[in-house]
Amino acid sequence: MGPMDRPRRLRTLPVMRDLVRETSVEARQLVLPAFVADGITEPRPIASMPGVEQQTLDTIRRVATDCAQAGLGGIMLFGVPEPHHKDANGSQAIADDGILNRAIAAVRSEVGDDLLVMSDVCLDEFTDHGHCGILDDKGRVLNDLTVMIYAQMARIHAECGAHVVAPSGMMDGQVAAIREELDDDDFTDVAILAYGAKYASAFYGPFREAVGSSLQGDRKTYQQDPGNARESIREVLADIEQGADMVMVKPALPYLDIIAKVREVVDVPLATYQVSGEYAMVEAAAANGWIDRDRIIDESLTSIRRAGADIVLTYWALEYAQRHARG
């Protein structure tokens, strides 16, 4: 055997493997999705996502502080209104006392610029029908009216202190409308993380419980078909042309090929979201003793980074950062 026929020499010791590892996962590349619920006085567990809780306005401050101290890149906030506050227009999304708007302000006042405060710009948590926009009398989403509300939401989030707004509803033209609204109101420094390729996925199941979704049916008319790949490139490039500073592929593990394809054609930061179903499957298997939980978490995050994602939203973000900080 020749000198190049023994790759195992580079695998002999942990320090050697660390030295030559091509892909790493660092705390600064991770974002923690977090849920803030109205009308609760202590964190409320999410049954389908063991270890994840809906936070109060007080406890989300502590979570955000922990994220900053652990060196995470950001926290992505989702609001969970009380059921009786939901309506057809999702009015709590733009109300002064809306839970998400209050949560953004609370977190920003707590962490300042030590952690990026990111906000979900979508109506699904706030509508009584659970869809991401306003519906017509036939149950179809009204794209342009919904986009107008997204733009208003984004401006309010910026006023409350969001560093990054993340339109996730997959409405046509949403990024351009939000960028124009932010710029017109002197929020030119607020960045847009666009959900450029968001699939109509069954992997979102536990998230519906996490945000108390009222959805009946599906979102196949505005989220992407899982069988399509080329469409993702068109969607992502359109968002960048409209002013997106970063783009998202969602979900992550079932769409590693899409992450890789998008990475090849874009030169802006690429994010992905390791969604609730991905999290729940690992936690369920670990609870049954079928897998090595920590190794699975580390390997899954590495695979996402290896596929080309610069930023990973994951419910394990804080745990991962704290565990690896301990050595």
Foldseek 3Di string as FASTA:
>chain_A
DDPVPCPCVQVPDPVSCVVPPPFDDAQQQEEEEAEAEPPDDQWADQVLQPPHTHGYLVVVLVVLVLSLVLNHAAYEYDYAYDLVQAALALVLLLDPPRRRLSSLLSNCVRCPPSHAYEYEQFRQLRHLQRARAHADPVGDHDQVVRLLVSLSSLCSSVVSPHQEYEYDRQRPPNLLSNCVSCVVVVNNRRAYAYAQAAAFDPLQVSVCSVRVGNHDDTDPVRHDHPVDQVVSLVSVVSNVVSPHQEYEHPAFPVVLVSLLVNLVPDDHAYEYENHSSNSSVLVVCVVVVNDDNVVVVRVSVRSRVVSPHSHYHYNCSSVVSVVVVVD
